[in-house]
Amino acid sequence: MRLSIKHTSTYRFGGPVVHALQRLRLTPKATQGQKIVKWGMKYTNANPELEYEDQHFNTVTLVAVEPEVREVMVECSGVVDTEDNAGVIGKHSGHLPLWSFLGQTSLTKPGKAVRALMDDLPDPENDKVAFLHALSAKIVDRVDYRIGETGVKTTGEEAAEHGSGVCQDHAHIFLGAARAADIPARYVSGYLMMNDRIDQEATHAWAEAHVDGLGWVGFDVSNGISPDPRYVRVATGRDYRDAAPITGISFGGLAENLEVNVAVEQQQNQQ
């Protein structure tokens, strides 16, 4: 499937910025089942300074915000070809060893609420795939998808206790439970082509777990499926912070407002 993507992020500051740097993870991965046909980024009131590949093989772009501005815009657009591999990404790659994805982070560390979700699931020692699918289904059954009740600092345990969250929270709960079952797991940020609309207000997030004999396998907990050709992987990490589309620091104009507009659609004319 050939997907056309447009992603605009607009930062508005409460006053003139003295100094600011932003770290962007907005370039899709060239990976199994996914080919970047073209991709570009444009900046308003900011200038790219450096591009590098981080420990997760994410493409990271550092941009410097121009002094005294009150608004910064980053516009991404491109075309990506995807294949249907039933969510299977394959063998592990990256600069971090596989065992590093067994360690919990402050966002994934499970407590009583997350561990309760693991009750009555298939034994992961006997069938990891069955355990992971059952875990994904139980999370979305017990933790309602609701916007506006959690934020980027909400932990998986907090979302499980509250009983609601968004895709980021579902992924963190999944990661915490999978790692507690001794299964390496990682966070994924990216794009999803929706069947009922083109325009969206956010990027998407899901999880991947490493299964012997298959490698990395994706689980979109919020939608109850494994990723198909409608998904585009952009960045991966141990949790949201490793794969966040935009992070940064600023001095002056500290109050920030972020507006995101995403459009993903299938490109019919494949040449």
Protein backbone atom coordinates (compact mmCIF):
# COMPACT_ATOMS: atom_id res chain seq x y z
CA MET A 1 0.00 0.00 0.00
CA ARG A 2 1.28 3.47 -0.86
CA LEU A 3 0.46 6.06 1.80
CA SER A 4 0.65 9.83 1.48
CA ILE A 5 1.33 11.65 4.76
CA LYS A 6 1.20 15.30 5.82
CA HIS A 7 2.04 16.24 9.40
CA THR A 8 2.13 19.82 10.69
CA SER A 9 3.17 20.74 14.25
CA THR A 10 2.78 24.33 15.43
CA TYR A 11 4.33 25.50 18.71
CA ARG A 12 3.03 28.79 20.11
CA PHE A 13 4.98 30.36 22.98
CA GLY A 14 3.60 32.69 25.62
CA GLY A 15 6.25 35.29 24.86
CA PRO A 16 9.36 35.88 22.76
CA VAL A 17 11.79 32.96 22.89
CA VAL A 18 15.32 33.73 24.03
CA HIS A 19 16.75 30.34 23.13
CA ALA A 20 15.19 26.99 22.19
CA LEU A 21 16.22 23.66 20.75
CA GLN A 22 13.84 20.97 19.53
CA ARG A 23 14.57 17.31 18.97
CA LEU A 24 12.46 15.86 16.15
CA ARG A 25 11.77 12.19 15.51
CA LEU A 26 9.58 12.68 12.47
CA THR A 27 11.31 10.68 9.72
CA PRO A 28 9.82 7.22 9.09
CA LYS A 29 12.08 4.22 9.43
CA ALA A 30 13.41 2.36 6.41
CA THR A 31 12.67 -1.10 7.76
CA GLN A 32 11.21 -4.49 6.87
CA GLY A 33 7.82 -4.07 5.24
CA GLN A 34 8.24 -0.32 4.84
CA LYS A 35 9.97 1.73 2.12
CA ILE A 36 10.35 5.51 2.13
CA VAL A 37 9.55 6.74 -1.37
CA LYS A 38 10.10 10.40 -0.44
CA TRP A 39 10.12 12.46 2.73
CA GLY A 40 10.82 16.09 3.51
CA MET A 41 10.54 18.62 6.33
CA LYS A 42 10.08 22.40 6.22
CA TYR A 43 10.54 24.81 9.10
CA THR A 44 9.11 28.22 9.93
CA ASN A 45 11.11 30.30 12.45
CA ALA A 46 13.54 27.42 13.04
CA ASN A 47 16.65 26.02 11.38
CA PRO A 48 17.98 22.45 11.27
CA GLU A 49 21.35 22.10 12.99
CA LEU A 50 22.16 18.39 13.06
CA GLU A 51 20.75 15.02 12.00
CA TYR A 52 21.83 11.71 13.49
CA GLU A 53 20.71 8.16 14.18
CA ASP A 54 20.08 7.39 17.85
CA GLN A 55 20.49 4.12 19.77
CA HIS A 56 17.15 2.82 18.47
CA PHE A 57 17.97 3.57 14.80
CA ASN A 58 15.57 6.53 14.92
CA THR A 59 16.42 9.46 12.67
CA VAL A 60 16.71 12.50 14.94
CA THR A 61 16.84 16.10 13.70
CA LEU A 62 17.92 18.92 16.02
CA VAL A 63 16.51 22.34 15.14
CA ALA A 64 17.30 25.72 16.67
CA VAL A 65 14.43 28.15 17.15
CA GLU A 66 15.09 31.68 15.93
CA PRO A 67 15.39 34.24 18.76
CA GLU A 68 12.42 36.43 19.70
CA VAL A 69 9.82 34.40 17.78
CA ARG A 70 6.50 33.36 19.33
CA GLU A 71 5.60 30.55 16.95
CA VAL A 72 7.42 27.64 15.31
CA MET A 73 6.02 25.39 12.62
CA VAL A 74 7.37 22.06 11.40
CA GLU A 75 5.79 20.61 8.27
CA CYS A 76 6.50 17.02 7.23
CA SER A 77 5.25 15.33 4.10
CA GLY A 78 6.05 12.31 2.04
CA VAL A 79 5.09 8.96 0.60
CA VAL A 80 5.70 5.54 2.15
CA ASP A 81 5.14 2.07 0.70
CA THR A 82 4.03 -0.58 3.18
CA GLU A 83 3.48 -4.34 3.13
CA ASP A 84 1.26 -6.68 5.11
CA ASN A 85 3.47 -8.85 7.32
CA ALA A 86 0.79 -9.54 9.96
CA GLY A 87 2.58 -7.19 12.32
CA VAL A 88 5.87 -9.08 12.20
CA ILE A 89 8.90 -6.78 11.92
CA GLY A 90 11.50 -9.52 12.28
CA LYS A 91 14.93 -9.80 13.83
CA HIS A 92 16.27 -7.34 16.35
CA SER A 93 18.49 -4.48 15.20
CA GLY A 94 19.75 -1.32 16.83
CA HIS A 95 22.60 -0.34 19.09
CA LEU A 96 20.92 -1.64 22.26
CA PRO A 97 20.95 -5.34 23.19
CA LEU A 98 17.65 -7.17 23.32
CA TRP A 99 17.80 -7.54 27.10
CA SER A 100 17.63 -3.75 27.50
CA PHE A 101 13.93 -3.97 26.52
CA LEU A 102 13.22 -6.11 29.59
CA GLY A 103 13.96 -3.26 32.00
CA GLN A 104 11.07 -1.16 33.27
CA THR A 105 11.05 2.64 33.05
CA SER A 106 9.22 5.13 35.24
CA LEU A 107 6.41 5.18 32.65
CA THR A 108 6.04 1.39 32.32
CA LYS A 109 6.77 0.08 35.83
CA PRO A 110 3.78 -2.09 36.80
CA GLY A 111 1.96 -1.88 40.11
CA LYS A 112 -1.12 -3.62 41.48
CA ALA A 113 -3.43 -2.36 38.71
CA VAL A 114 -1.25 -3.55 35.83
CA ARG A 115 -0.43 -6.85 37.50
CA ALA A 116 -4.15 -7.45 38.05
CA LEU A 117 -4.61 -7.27 34.28
CA MET A 118 -2.20 -10.19 33.97
CA ASP A 119 -4.42 -12.51 36.02
CA ASP A 120 -6.03 -15.42 34.17
CA LEU A 121 -3.99 -14.91 31.00
CA PRO A 122 -2.36 -17.81 29.14
CA ASP A 123 0.98 -18.91 30.55
CA PRO A 124 3.66 -16.95 28.64
CA GLU A 125 6.10 -19.82 29.16
CA ASN A 126 3.88 -22.09 27.07
CA ASP A 127 2.68 -19.66 24.38
CA LYS A 128 4.01 -16.10 24.30
CA VAL A 129 1.90 -15.09 21.29
CA ALA A 130 -1.32 -16.23 22.94
CA PHE A 131 -0.34 -14.41 26.14
CA LEU A 132 0.39 -11.17 24.27
CA HIS A 133 -2.83 -11.19 22.27
CA ALA A 134 -4.85 -11.94 25.40
CA LEU A 135 -3.01 -9.17 27.28
CA SER A 136 -3.77 -6.66 24.51
CA ALA A 137 -7.46 -7.59 24.50
CA LYS A 138 -7.73 -7.36 28.27
CA ILE A 139 -6.11 -3.93 28.41
CA VAL A 140 -8.51 -2.36 25.93
CA ASP A 141 -11.43 -4.08 27.68
CA ARG A 142 -10.48 -2.71 31.12
CA VAL A 143 -8.95 0.65 30.15
CA ASP A 144 -11.35 2.73 28.06
CA TYR A 145 -10.00 4.87 25.25
CA ARG A 146 -10.78 8.43 26.33
CA ILE A 147 -9.05 11.62 25.24
CA GLY A 148 -8.11 14.37 27.67
CA GLU A 149 -7.84 12.36 30.89
CA THR A 150 -4.12 11.55 30.70
CA GLY A 151 -0.95 13.31 29.52
CA VAL A 152 2.57 12.57 28.36
CA LYS A 153 3.73 12.15 31.97
CA THR A 154 0.98 9.68 32.91
CA THR A 155 2.37 6.26 33.76
CA GLY A 156 0.89 2.98 32.60
CA GLU A 157 0.06 2.12 36.20
CA GLU A 158 -1.81 5.40 36.68
CA ALA A 159 -3.84 4.85 33.51
CA ALA A 160 -4.67 1.29 34.58
CA GLU A 161 -5.79 2.53 38.01
CA HIS A 162 -7.93 5.26 36.44
CA GLY A 163 -9.41 2.89 33.87
CA SER A 164 -8.97 5.20 30.89
CA GLY A 165 -6.34 6.60 28.58
CA VAL A 166 -5.21 6.89 24.99
CA CYS A 167 -2.93 4.85 22.72
CA GLN A 168 0.19 6.00 24.57
CA ASP A 169 -1.24 4.72 27.87
CA HIS A 170 -2.37 1.42 26.38
CA ALA A 171 1.13 0.90 25.02
CA HIS A 172 2.79 1.67 28.37
CA ILE A 173 0.50 -0.78 30.19
CA PHE A 174 1.30 -3.45 27.60
CA LEU A 175 5.04 -2.82 27.90
CA GLY A 176 4.99 -3.04 31.68
CA ALA A 177 3.04 -6.31 31.68
CA ALA A 178 5.07 -7.92 28.88
CA ARG A 179 8.36 -7.08 30.56
CA ALA A 180 7.01 -8.39 33.88
CA ALA A 181 6.39 -11.67 32.00
CA ASP A 182 10.05 -11.64 30.86
CA ILE A 183 9.20 -10.67 27.27
CA PRO A 184 11.23 -7.83 25.69
CA ALA A 185 8.91 -5.05 24.55
CA ARG A 186 9.22 -1.57 23.06
CA TYR A 187 7.15 1.52 22.28
CA VAL A 188 6.39 2.62 18.71
CA SER A 189 5.25 6.01 17.45
CA GLY A 190 4.02 6.51 13.93
CA TYR A 191 1.08 7.04 11.62
CA LEU A 192 -2.14 5.13 11.01
CA MET A 193 -4.42 5.58 8.03
CA MET A 194 -7.95 5.67 9.44
CA ASN A 195 -10.72 4.04 7.43
CA ASP A 196 -13.29 6.74 8.19
CA ARG A 197 -11.28 9.94 7.81
CA ILE A 198 -8.08 11.47 6.44
CA ASP A 199 -7.49 14.33 8.87
CA GLN A 200 -6.38 13.53 12.43
CA GLU A 201 -5.32 15.51 15.48
CA ALA A 202 -2.42 13.33 16.60
CA THR A 203 0.08 10.69 15.60
CA HIS A 204 -0.49 7.11 16.75
CA ALA A 205 1.32 4.79 19.18
CA TRP A 206 1.46 1.03 19.68
CA ALA A 207 3.80 -1.61 21.09
CA GLU A 208 6.04 -4.39 19.84
CA ALA A 209 7.14 -7.52 21.69
CA HIS A 210 9.99 -9.87 20.83
CA VAL A 211 8.96 -13.49 20.31
CA ASP A 212 11.45 -16.30 19.71
CA GLY A 213 11.22 -17.51 16.11
CA LEU A 214 9.35 -14.42 14.91
CA GLY A 215 11.38 -11.46 16.17
CA TRP A 216 9.57 -8.20 16.88
CA VAL A 217 5.77 -8.39 16.56
CA GLY A 218 3.44 -5.38 16.71
CA PHE A 219 0.33 -4.98 18.88
CA ASP A 220 -1.97 -2.00 18.49
CA VAL A 221 -3.74 -2.33 21.81
CA SER A 222 -6.14 0.58 21.24
CA ASN A 223 -7.53 -0.94 18.05
CA GLY A 224 -7.20 -4.58 19.08
CA ILE A 225 -5.15 -5.65 16.05
CA SER A 226 -1.61 -6.22 14.89
CA PRO A 227 -0.36 -3.47 12.56
CA ASP A 228 -1.22 -3.92 8.89
CA PRO A 229 -0.28 -1.90 5.75
CA ARG A 230 -2.13 1.17 7.10
CA TYR A 231 0.63 1.68 9.71
CA VAL A 232 3.88 3.62 9.28
CA ARG A 233 6.61 3.15 11.90
CA VAL A 234 8.51 6.35 12.69
CA ALA A 235 10.36 5.87 16.00
CA THR A 236 10.84 3.17 18.64
CA GLY A 237 12.14 3.16 22.20
CA ARG A 238 11.77 1.84 25.72
CA ASP A 239 8.81 4.20 26.30
CA TYR A 240 7.20 7.37 24.95
CA ARG A 241 10.16 9.56 25.85
CA ASP A 242 12.51 7.62 23.55
CA ALA A 243 10.11 7.88 20.61
CA ALA A 244 8.33 11.22 21.16
CA PRO A 245 7.83 13.08 17.86
CA ILE A 246 8.99 16.43 19.31
CA THR A 247 10.82 17.24 22.54
CA GLY A 248 12.83 20.31 23.42
CA ILE A 249 14.02 22.97 25.80
CA SER A 250 13.37 26.71 25.74
CA PHE A 251 14.26 29.86 27.66
CA GLY A 252 11.87 32.77 27.55
CA GLY A 253 8.30 32.36 26.35
CA LEU A 254 7.97 29.24 28.48
CA ALA A 255 4.22 28.79 28.15
CA GLU A 256 3.74 26.54 25.14
CA ASN A 257 0.74 25.43 23.12
CA LEU A 258 1.11 22.66 20.57
CA GLU A 259 -1.28 22.16 17.68
CA VAL A 260 -0.92 19.03 15.57
CA ASN A 261 -2.58 18.25 12.24
CA VAL A 262 -2.03 14.91 10.54
CA ALA A 263 -3.42 13.65 7.24
CA VAL A 264 -2.85 10.07 6.06
CA GLU A 265 -4.43 8.63 2.94
CA GLN A 266 -3.82 5.94 0.39
CA GLN A 267 -2.26 7.14 -2.82
CA GLN A 268 -4.18 5.48 -5.61
CA ASN A 269 -1.83 6.18 -8.49
CA GLN A 270 1.19 3.90 -7.95
CA GLN A 271 3.73 4.44 -10.64
